[in-house]
PDB file of N, CA and C in Angstrom:
ATOM      1  N   UNK A   1       2.265  -0.805  57.847  1.00  0.00           N
ATOM      2  CA  UNK A   1       1.177   0.084  58.029  1.00  0.00           C
ATOM      3  C   UNK A   1       0.112  -0.651  57.465  1.00  0.00           C
ATOM      4  N   UNK A   2      -0.937  -0.836  58.317  1.00  0.00           N
ATOM      5  CA  UNK A   2      -2.138  -1.602  58.026  1.00  0.00           C
ATOM      6  C   UNK A   2      -3.319  -0.724  57.612  1.00  0.00           C
ATOM      7  N   UNK A   3      -4.009  -1.045  56.452  1.00  0.00           N
ATOM      8  CA  UNK A   3      -4.728  -0.048  55.791  1.00  0.00           C
ATOM      9  C   UNK A   3      -6.070  -0.726  55.856  1.00  0.00           C
ATOM     10  N   UNK A   4      -7.135  -0.001  56.252  1.00  0.00           N
ATOM     11  CA  UNK A   4      -8.635  -0.522  56.227  1.00  0.00           C
ATOM     12  C   UNK A   4      -9.145  -0.286  54.873  1.00  0.00           C
ATOM     13  N   UNK A   5      -8.652   0.389  53.986  1.00  0.00           N
ATOM     14  CA  UNK A   5      -9.178   0.782  52.573  1.00  0.00           C
ATOM     15  C   UNK A   5      -9.545  -0.504  51.919  1.00  0.00           C
ATOM     16  N   UNK A   6     -10.775  -0.409  51.082  1.00  0.00           N
ATOM     17  CA  UNK A   6     -11.131  -1.431  50.267  1.00  0.00           C
ATOM     18  C   UNK A   6     -10.086  -1.382  49.288  1.00  0.00           C
ATOM     19  N   UNK A   7      -9.827  -2.796  48.627  1.00  0.00           N
ATOM     20  CA  UNK A   7      -8.931  -2.775  47.720  1.00  0.00           C
ATOM     21  C   UNK A   7      -9.725  -3.742  46.481  1.00  0.00           C
ATOM     22  N   UNK A   8      -9.230  -3.650  45.423  1.00  0.00           N
ATOM     23  CA  UNK A   8      -9.677  -4.366  44.098  1.00  0.00           C
ATOM     24  C   UNK A   8      -8.595  -4.982  43.366  1.00  0.00           C
ATOM     25  N   UNK A   9      -8.566  -6.178  43.060  1.00  0.00           N
ATOM     26  CA  UNK A   9      -7.519  -6.799  42.274  1.00  0.00           C
ATOM     27  C   UNK A   9      -7.845  -6.525  40.773  1.00  0.00           C
ATOM     28  N   UNK A  10      -6.755  -6.168  40.111  1.00  0.00           N
ATOM     29  CA  UNK A  10      -6.615  -5.609  38.818  1.00  0.00           C
ATOM     30  C   UNK A  10      -5.456  -6.458  38.003  1.00  0.00           C
ATOM     31  N   UNK A  11      -5.508  -6.426  36.662  1.00  0.00           N
ATOM     32  CA  UNK A  11      -4.293  -7.090  35.965  1.00  0.00           C
ATOM     33  C   UNK A  11      -3.722  -6.039  35.217  1.00  0.00           C
ATOM     34  N   UNK A  12      -2.358  -5.933  35.455  1.00  0.00           N
ATOM     35  CA  UNK A  12      -1.634  -5.035  34.562  1.00  0.00           C
ATOM     36  C   UNK A  12      -0.613  -5.571  33.680  1.00  0.00           C
ATOM     37  N   UNK A  13      -0.045  -4.849  32.697  1.00  0.00           N
ATOM     38  CA  UNK A  13       1.127  -5.526  31.990  1.00  0.00           C
ATOM     39  C   UNK A  13       2.212  -4.709  32.364  1.00  0.00           C
ATOM     40  N   UNK A  14       3.246  -5.319  32.676  1.00  0.00           N
ATOM     41  CA  UNK A  14       4.487  -4.518  33.167  1.00  0.00           C
ATOM     42  C   UNK A  14       5.794  -5.271  32.363  1.00  0.00           C
ATOM     43  N   UNK A  15       6.788  -4.388  31.893  1.00  0.00           N
ATOM     44  CA  UNK A  15       7.865  -5.101  31.128  1.00  0.00           C
ATOM     45  C   UNK A  15       8.563  -5.978  32.170  1.00  0.00           C
ATOM     46  N   UNK A  16       9.066  -7.271  31.836  1.00  0.00           N
ATOM     47  CA  UNK A  16       9.719  -8.078  32.693  1.00  0.00           C
ATOM     48  C   UNK A  16      10.843  -7.462  33.500  1.00  0.00           C
ATOM     49  N   UNK A  17      11.715  -6.836  32.627  1.00  0.00           N
ATOM     50  CA  UNK A  17      12.847  -6.195  33.435  1.00  0.00           C
ATOM     51  C   UNK A  17      12.488  -5.288  34.559  1.00  0.00           C
ATOM     52  N   UNK A  18      11.412  -4.512  34.361  1.00  0.00           N
ATOM     53  CA  UNK A  18      11.055  -3.681  35.335  1.00  0.00           C
ATOM     54  C   UNK A  18      10.434  -4.262  36.559  1.00  0.00           C
ATOM     55  N   UNK A  19       9.703  -5.324  36.152  1.00  0.00           N
ATOM     56  CA  UNK A  19       9.069  -6.226  37.315  1.00  0.00           C
ATOM     57  C   UNK A  19      10.196  -6.851  38.195  1.00  0.00           C
ATOM     58  N   UNK A  20      11.211  -7.314  37.571  1.00  0.00           N
ATOM     59  CA  UNK A  20      12.139  -8.194  38.356  1.00  0.00           C
ATOM     60  C   UNK A  20      12.886  -6.898  39.183  1.00  0.00           C
ATOM     61  N   UNK A  21      13.138  -5.695  38.825  1.00  0.00           N
ATOM     62  CA  UNK A  21      13.651  -4.836  39.595  1.00  0.00           C
ATOM     63  C   UNK A  21      12.690  -4.557  40.790  1.00  0.00           C
ATOM     64  N   UNK A  22      11.499  -4.090  40.286  1.00  0.00           N
ATOM     65  CA  UNK A  22      10.369  -3.781  41.535  1.00  0.00           C
ATOM     66  C   UNK A  22      10.292  -4.916  42.390  1.00  0.00           C
ATOM     67  N   UNK A  23      10.153  -5.993  42.011  1.00  0.00           N
ATOM     68  CA  UNK A  23      10.035  -7.317  43.143  1.00  0.00           C
ATOM     69  C   UNK A  23      11.130  -7.303  44.073  1.00  0.00           C
ATOM     70  N   UNK A  24      12.369  -7.057  43.513  1.00  0.00           N
ATOM     71  CA  UNK A  24      13.546  -7.016  44.458  1.00  0.00           C
ATOM     72  C   UNK A  24      13.483  -5.810  45.348  1.00  0.00           C
ATOM     73  N   UNK A  25      13.105  -4.611  45.013  1.00  0.00           N
ATOM     74  CA  UNK A  25      13.054  -3.544  45.862  1.00  0.00           C
ATOM     75  C   UNK A  25      11.861  -3.590  46.859  1.00  0.00           C
ATOM     76  N   UNK A  26      10.827  -4.250  46.574  1.00  0.00           N
ATOM     77  CA  UNK A  26       9.511  -4.246  47.134  1.00  0.00           C
ATOM     78  C   UNK A  26       9.278  -5.444  48.051  1.00  0.00           C
ATOM     79  N   UNK A  27      10.363  -6.215  48.120  1.00  0.00           N
ATOM     80  CA  UNK A  27      10.246  -7.625  48.925  1.00  0.00           C
ATOM     81  C   UNK A  27       9.579  -7.373  50.256  1.00  0.00           C
ATOM     82  N   UNK A  28      10.003  -6.454  51.142  1.00  0.00           N
ATOM     83  CA  UNK A  28       9.506  -6.444  52.301  1.00  0.00           C
ATOM     84  C   UNK A  28       8.155  -5.806  52.558  1.00  0.00           C
ATOM     85  N   UNK A  29       7.724  -4.928  51.680  1.00  0.00           N
ATOM     86  CA  UNK A  29       6.427  -4.177  51.723  1.00  0.00           C
ATOM     87  C   UNK A  29       5.444  -5.131  50.815  1.00  0.00           C
ATOM     88  N   UNK A  30       5.922  -5.890  49.713  1.00  0.00           N
ATOM     89  CA  UNK A  30       5.102  -6.519  48.905  1.00  0.00           C
ATOM     90  C   UNK A  30       4.821  -5.679  47.625  1.00  0.00           C
ATOM     91  N   UNK A  31       4.630  -6.408  46.534  1.00  0.00           N
ATOM     92  CA  UNK A  31       4.396  -5.829  45.136  1.00  0.00           C
ATOM     93  C   UNK A  31       3.240  -4.878  45.209  1.00  0.00           C
ATOM     94  N   UNK A  32       2.157  -5.228  45.847  1.00  0.00           N
ATOM     95  CA  UNK A  32       1.057  -4.456  45.756  1.00  0.00           C
ATOM     96  C   UNK A  32       1.125  -3.154  46.398  1.00  0.00           C
ATOM     97  N   UNK A  33       1.650  -3.292  47.607  1.00  0.00           N
ATOM     98  CA  UNK A  33       2.026  -1.927  48.318  1.00  0.00           C
ATOM     99  C   UNK A  33       2.883  -0.937  47.436  1.00  0.00           C
ATOM    100  N   UNK A  34       4.149  -1.674  46.930  1.00  0.00           N
ATOM    101  CA  UNK A  34       4.922  -0.820  46.116  1.00  0.00           C
ATOM    102  C   UNK A  34       4.307  -0.187  44.997  1.00  0.00           C
ATOM    103  N   UNK A  35       3.308  -0.858  44.413  1.00  0.00           N
ATOM    104  CA  UNK A  35       2.682  -0.390  43.131  1.00  0.00           C
ATOM    105  C   UNK A  35       1.707   0.709  43.482  1.00  0.00           C
ATOM    106  N   UNK A  36       0.923   0.394  44.517  1.00  0.00           N
ATOM    107  CA  UNK A  36      -0.050   1.418  45.084  1.00  0.00           C
ATOM    108  C   UNK A  36       0.541   2.740  45.356  1.00  0.00           C
ATOM    109  N   UNK A  37       1.719   2.650  46.096  1.00  0.00           N
ATOM    110  CA  UNK A  37       2.542   3.809  46.551  1.00  0.00           C
ATOM    111  C   UNK A  37       2.946   4.651  45.210  1.00  0.00           C
ATOM    112  N   UNK A  38       3.526   4.007  44.413  1.00  0.00           N
ATOM    113  CA  UNK A  38       3.959   4.486  42.953  1.00  0.00           C
ATOM    114  C   UNK A  38       2.803   5.130  42.370  1.00  0.00           C
ATOM    115  N   UNK A  39       1.591   4.457  42.270  1.00  0.00           N
ATOM    116  CA  UNK A  39       0.589   5.143  41.485  1.00  0.00           C
ATOM    117  C   UNK A  39       0.124   6.270  42.234  1.00  0.00           C
ATOM    118  N   UNK A  40      -0.062   6.230  43.788  1.00  0.00           N
ATOM    119  CA  UNK A  40      -0.418   7.594  44.341  1.00  0.00           C
ATOM    120  C   UNK A  40       0.567   8.778  44.285  1.00  0.00           C
ATOM    121  N   UNK A  41       1.902   8.443  44.159  1.00  0.00           N
ATOM    122  CA  UNK A  41       2.900   9.572  43.801  1.00  0.00           C
ATOM    123  C   UNK A  41       2.608   9.888  42.596  1.00  0.00           C
ATOM    124  N   UNK A  42       2.401   9.248  41.439  1.00  0.00           N
ATOM    125  CA  UNK A  42       2.080   9.612  40.117  1.00  0.00           C
ATOM    126  C   UNK A  42       0.821  10.507  40.009  1.00  0.00           C
ATOM    127  N   UNK A  43      -0.161  10.078  40.832  1.00  0.00           N
ATOM    128  CA  UNK A  43      -1.479  10.760  40.819  1.00  0.00           C
ATOM    129  C   UNK A  43      -1.319  12.200  41.512  1.00  0.00           C
ATOM    130  N   UNK A  44      -0.502  12.236  42.547  1.00  0.00           N
ATOM    131  CA  UNK A  44      -0.280  13.604  43.300  1.00  0.00           C
ATOM    132  C   UNK A  44       0.651  14.485  42.559  1.00  0.00           C
ATOM    133  N   UNK A  45       1.569  13.798  41.813  1.00  0.00           N
ATOM    134  CA  UNK A  45       2.321  14.718  40.887  1.00  0.00           C
ATOM    135  C   UNK A  45       1.637  15.224  39.589  1.00  0.00           C
ATOM    136  N   UNK A  46       0.589  14.503  39.096  1.00  0.00           N
ATOM    137  CA  UNK A  46      -0.257  15.094  38.086  1.00  0.00           C
ATOM    138  C   UNK A  46      -1.150  15.999  38.639  1.00  0.00           C
ATOM    139  N   UNK A  47      -1.612  16.016  39.850  1.00  0.00           N
ATOM    140  CA  UNK A  47      -2.538  17.063  40.380  1.00  0.00           C
ATOM    141  C   UNK A  47      -1.683  18.199  40.784  1.00  0.00           C
ATOM    142  N   UNK A  48      -0.498  17.962  41.085  1.00  0.00           N
ATOM    143  CA  UNK A  48       0.248  19.249  41.488  1.00  0.00           C
ATOM    144  C   UNK A  48       0.631  19.922  40.107  1.00  0.00           C
ATOM    145  N   UNK A  49       0.874  19.375  39.157  1.00  0.00           N
ATOM    146  CA  UNK A  49       1.217  19.973  37.610  1.00  0.00           C
ATOM    147  C   UNK A  49       0.018  20.696  37.270  1.00  0.00           C
ATOM    148  N   UNK A  50      -1.292  19.970  37.408  1.00  0.00           N
ATOM    149  CA  UNK A  50      -2.480  20.769  37.037  1.00  0.00           C
ATOM    150  C   UNK A  50      -2.760  22.079  37.719  1.00  0.00           C
ATOM    151  N   UNK A  51      -2.184  21.972  39.050  1.00  0.00           N
ATOM    152  CA  UNK A  51      -2.574  23.146  39.906  1.00  0.00           C
ATOM    153  C   UNK A  51      -1.434  24.203  39.487  1.00  0.00           C
ATOM    154  N   UNK A  52      -0.127  23.791  39.108  1.00  0.00           N
ATOM    155  CA  UNK A  52       0.803  24.679  38.762  1.00  0.00           C
ATOM    156  C   UNK A  52       0.306  25.374  37.424  1.00  0.00           C
ATOM    157  N   UNK A  53      -0.077  24.578  36.579  1.00  0.00           N
ATOM    158  CA  UNK A  53      -0.420  25.014  35.247  1.00  0.00           C
ATOM    159  C   UNK A  53      -1.601  26.261  35.371  1.00  0.00           C
ATOM    160  N   UNK A  54      -2.605  25.806  36.286  1.00  0.00           N
ATOM    161  CA  UNK A  54      -3.789  26.729  36.409  1.00  0.00           C
ATOM    162  C   UNK A  54      -3.238  27.922  37.162  1.00  0.00           C
ATOM    163  N   UNK A  55      -2.334  27.986  38.148  1.00  0.00           N
ATOM    164  CA  UNK A  55      -1.784  29.073  38.695  1.00  0.00           C
ATOM    165  C   UNK A  55      -1.066  30.002  37.634  1.00  0.00           C
ATOM    166  N   UNK A  56      -0.282  29.316  36.917  1.00  0.00           N
ATOM    167  CA  UNK A  56       0.560  30.109  35.943  1.00  0.00           C
ATOM    168  C   UNK A  56      -0.388  30.803  34.980  1.00  0.00           C
ATOM    169  N   UNK A  57      -1.599  30.219  34.557  1.00  0.00           N
ATOM    170  CA  UNK A  57      -2.381  30.886  33.622  1.00  0.00           C
ATOM    171  C   UNK A  57      -3.100  32.129  34.401  1.00  0.00           C
ATOM    172  N   UNK A  58      -3.446  31.779  35.753  1.00  0.00           N
ATOM    173  CA  UNK A  58      -4.064  32.928  36.378  1.00  0.00           C
ATOM    174  C   UNK A  58      -3.318  34.072  36.707  1.00  0.00           C
ATOM    175  N   UNK A  59      -1.901  33.698  37.035  1.00  0.00           N
ATOM    176  CA  UNK A  59      -0.982  34.847  37.630  1.00  0.00           C
ATOM    177  C   UNK A  59       0.142  35.112  36.824  1.00  0.00           C
ATOM    178  N   UNK A  60       0.323  34.380  35.770  1.00  0.00           N
ATOM    179  CA  UNK A  60       1.497  34.541  34.986  1.00  0.00           C
ATOM    180  C   UNK A  60       2.705  33.599  35.225  1.00  0.00           C
ATOM    181  N   UNK A  61       3.739  33.593  34.390  1.00  0.00           N
ATOM    182  CA  UNK A  61       4.878  32.750  34.633  1.00  0.00           C
ATOM    183  C   UNK A  61       5.617  33.139  35.889  1.00  0.00           C
ATOM    184  N   UNK A  62       6.239  32.157  36.553  1.00  0.00           N
ATOM    185  CA  UNK A  62       7.084  32.512  37.737  1.00  0.00           C
ATOM    186  C   UNK A  62       8.270  32.998  37.273  1.00  0.00           C
ATOM    187  N   UNK A  63       8.746  34.153  37.966  1.00  0.00           N
ATOM    188  CA  UNK A  63       9.904  34.801  37.657  1.00  0.00           C
ATOM    189  C   UNK A  63      11.358  34.056  38.168  1.00  0.00           C
ATOM    190  N   UNK A  64      12.387  34.194  37.748  1.00  0.00           N
ATOM    191  CA  UNK A  64      13.574  33.685  38.118  1.00  0.00           C
ATOM    192  C   UNK A  64      13.718  33.813  39.552  1.00  0.00           C
ATOM    193  N   UNK A  65      13.456  35.116  40.056  1.00  0.00           N
ATOM    194  CA  UNK A  65      13.876  35.453  41.607  1.00  0.00           C
ATOM    195  C   UNK A  65      12.692  34.628  42.405  1.00  0.00           C
ATOM    196  N   UNK A  66      11.254  34.374  41.927  1.00  0.00           N
ATOM    197  CA  UNK A  66      10.384  33.570  42.776  1.00  0.00           C
ATOM    198  C   UNK A  66      10.932  32.275  42.641  1.00  0.00           C
ATOM    199  N   UNK A  67      11.428  31.729  41.541  1.00  0.00           N
ATOM    200  CA  UNK A  67      11.776  30.391  41.467  1.00  0.00           C
ATOM    201  C   UNK A  67      12.914  30.038  42.340  1.00  0.00           C
ATOM    202  N   UNK A  68      14.058  30.790  42.400  1.00  0.00           N
ATOM    203  CA  UNK A  68      15.198  30.825  43.492  1.00  0.00           C
ATOM    204  C   UNK A  68      14.730  30.800  44.720  1.00  0.00           C
ATOM    205  N   UNK A  69      13.745  31.686  45.021  1.00  0.00           N
ATOM    206  CA  UNK A  69      13.282  32.016  46.350  1.00  0.00           C
ATOM    207  C   UNK A  69      12.453  30.582  47.064  1.00  0.00           C
ATOM    208  N   UNK A  70      11.732  29.960  45.968  1.00  0.00           N
ATOM    209  CA  UNK A  70      11.032  28.731  46.535  1.00  0.00           C
ATOM    210  C   UNK A  70      12.206  27.504  46.581  1.00  0.00           C
ATOM    211  N   UNK A  71      13.035  27.570  45.683  1.00  0.00           N
ATOM    212  CA  UNK A  71      13.912  26.470  45.660  1.00  0.00           C
ATOM    213  C   UNK A  71      14.922  26.775  47.026  1.00  0.00           C
ATOM    214  N   UNK A  72      15.218  27.920  47.487  1.00  0.00           N
ATOM    215  CA  UNK A  72      15.855  27.952  48.649  1.00  0.00           C
ATOM    216  C   UNK A  72      15.003  27.693  49.872  1.00  0.00           C
ATOM    217  N   UNK A  73      13.641  27.975  49.854  1.00  0.00           N
ATOM    218  CA  UNK A  73      12.777  27.422  50.976  1.00  0.00           C
ATOM    219  C   UNK A  73      12.776  26.135  51.049  1.00  0.00           C
ATOM    220  N   UNK A  74      12.571  25.358  49.842  1.00  0.00           N
ATOM    221  CA  UNK A  74      12.702  23.981  49.719  1.00  0.00           C
ATOM    222  C   UNK A  74      13.906  23.282  50.449  1.00  0.00           C
ATOM    223  N   UNK A  75      14.976  24.022  50.142  1.00  0.00           N
ATOM    224  CA  UNK A  75      16.208  23.479  50.572  1.00  0.00           C
ATOM    225  C   UNK A  75      16.349  23.663  52.196  1.00  0.00           C
ATOM    226  N   UNK A  76      15.706  24.696  52.733  1.00  0.00           N
ATOM    227  CA  UNK A  76      15.463  24.996  54.100  1.00  0.00           C
ATOM    228  C   UNK A  76      14.666  23.864  54.708  1.00  0.00           C
ATOM    229  N   UNK A  77      13.451  23.657  54.194  1.00  0.00           N
ATOM    230  CA  UNK A  77      12.720  22.565  54.641  1.00  0.00           C
ATOM    231  C   UNK A  77      13.359  21.288  54.592  1.00  0.00           C
ATOM    232  N   UNK A  78      13.837  20.949  53.595  1.00  0.00           N
ATOM    233  CA  UNK A  78      14.579  19.561  53.548  1.00  0.00           C
ATOM    234  C   UNK A  78      15.683  19.437  54.851  1.00  0.00           C
ATOM    235  N   UNK A  79      16.519  20.699  55.028  1.00  0.00           N
ATOM    236  CA  UNK A  79      17.504  20.594  56.040  1.00  0.00           C
ATOM    237  C   UNK A  79      16.793  20.601  57.390  1.00  0.00           C
ATOM    238  N   UNK A  80      15.708  21.211  57.699  1.00  0.00           N
ATOM    239  CA  UNK A  80      15.020  21.066  59.019  1.00  0.00           C
ATOM    240  C   UNK A  80      14.414  19.725  59.118  1.00  0.00           C
ATOM    241  N   UNK A  81      13.905  18.912  57.965  1.00  0.00           N
ATOM    242  CA  UNK A  81      13.455  17.826  58.044  1.00  0.00           C
ATOM    243  C   UNK A  81      14.567  16.671  58.516  1.00  0.00           C
ATOM    244  N   UNK A  82      15.752  16.774  57.872  1.00  0.00           N
ATOM    245  CA  UNK A  82      16.936  15.988  58.246  1.00  0.00           C
ATOM    246  C   UNK A  82      17.430  16.002  59.444  1.00  0.00           C
ATOM    247  N   UNK A  83      17.449  17.396  59.999  1.00  0.00           N
ATOM    248  CA  UNK A  83      17.653  17.926  61.320  1.00  0.00           C
ATOM    249  C   UNK A  83      16.905  17.049  62.270  1.00  0.00           C
ATOM    250  N   UNK A  84      15.363  17.305  62.123  1.00  0.00           N
ATOM    251  CA  UNK A  84      14.582  16.744  62.988  1.00  0.00           C
ATOM    252  C   UNK A  84      14.470  15.043  63.068  1.00  0.00           C
ATOM    253  N   UNK A  85      14.470  14.583  61.851  1.00  0.00           N
ATOM    254  CA  UNK A  85      14.391  13.154  61.896  1.00  0.00           C
ATOM    255  C   UNK A  85      15.708  12.496  61.958  1.00  0.00           C
ATOM    256  N   UNK A  86      16.856  13.182  61.767  1.00  0.00           N
ATOM    257  CA  UNK A  86      18.225  12.580  61.761  1.00  0.00           C
ATOM    258  C   UNK A  86      18.638  12.711  63.368  1.00  0.00           C
ATOM    259  N   UNK A  87      18.181  13.900  64.049  1.00  0.00           N
ATOM    260  CA  UNK A  87      18.596  13.878  65.389  1.00  0.00           C
ATOM    261  C   UNK A  87      17.832  12.886  66.224  1.00  0.00           C
ATOM    262  N   UNK A  88      16.591  12.872  65.949  1.00  0.00           N
ATOM    263  CA  UNK A  88      15.608  11.963  66.626  1.00  0.00           C
ATOM    264  C   UNK A  88      15.956  10.476  66.654  1.00  0.00           C
ATOM    265  N   UNK A  89      16.464   9.931  65.287  1.00  0.00           N
ATOM    266  CA  UNK A  89      16.718   8.650  65.158  1.00  0.00           C
ATOM    267  C   UNK A  89      18.054   8.248  65.892  1.00  0.00           C
ATOM    268  N   UNK A  90      19.000   9.108  65.711  1.00  0.00           N
ATOM    269  CA  UNK A  90      20.234   8.861  66.270  1.00  0.00           C
ATOM    270  C   UNK A  90      20.430   8.742  67.868  1.00  0.00           C
ATOM    271  N   UNK A  91      19.591   9.888  68.472  1.00  0.00           N
ATOM    272  CA  UNK A  91      19.601   9.911  69.912  1.00  0.00           C
ATOM    273  C   UNK A  91      18.429   9.157  70.598  1.00  0.00           C
ATOM    274  N   UNK A  92      17.359   8.997  69.823  1.00  0.00           N
ATOM    275  CA  UNK A  92      16.236   8.349  70.430  1.00  0.00           C
ATOM    276  C   UNK A  92      15.304   9.375  70.870  1.00  0.00           C
ATOM    277  N   UNK A  93      15.586  10.632  70.651  1.00  0.00           N
ATOM    278  CA  UNK A  93      14.516  11.784  70.974  1.00  0.00           C
ATOM    279  C   UNK A  93      13.382  11.739  70.068  1.00  0.00           C
ATOM    280  N   UNK A  94      12.379  12.235  70.574  1.00  0.00           N
ATOM    281  CA  UNK A  94      11.226  12.415  69.558  1.00  0.00           C
ATOM    282  C   UNK A  94      11.634  13.782  68.780  1.00  0.00           C
ATOM    283  N   UNK A  95      11.153  13.782  67.673  1.00  0.00           N
ATOM    284  CA  UNK A  95      11.329  14.806  66.477  1.00  0.00           C
ATOM    285  C   UNK A  95      10.421  15.962  66.822  1.00  0.00           C
TER     286      UNK A  95
END
């Protein structure tokens, strides 16, 4: 995927063993793309955690029933995603 976003070169310090693992996993995409994706993921999780904390402050804690219902819905969404993408990739059909 080619991106037209502006970029800026920075220097970071990463433990050597972690860097070795990341380089082997990121070989096709490149280290910069791998790190940028990881940072976006972390940023998104932090924002989601902030939203969850705010919602809990506003509406109280999530009950066990609500939690179970949400997890069941996520399982359903995961199954639908696999169905659409798995079937499309195997048979060549559009998802």
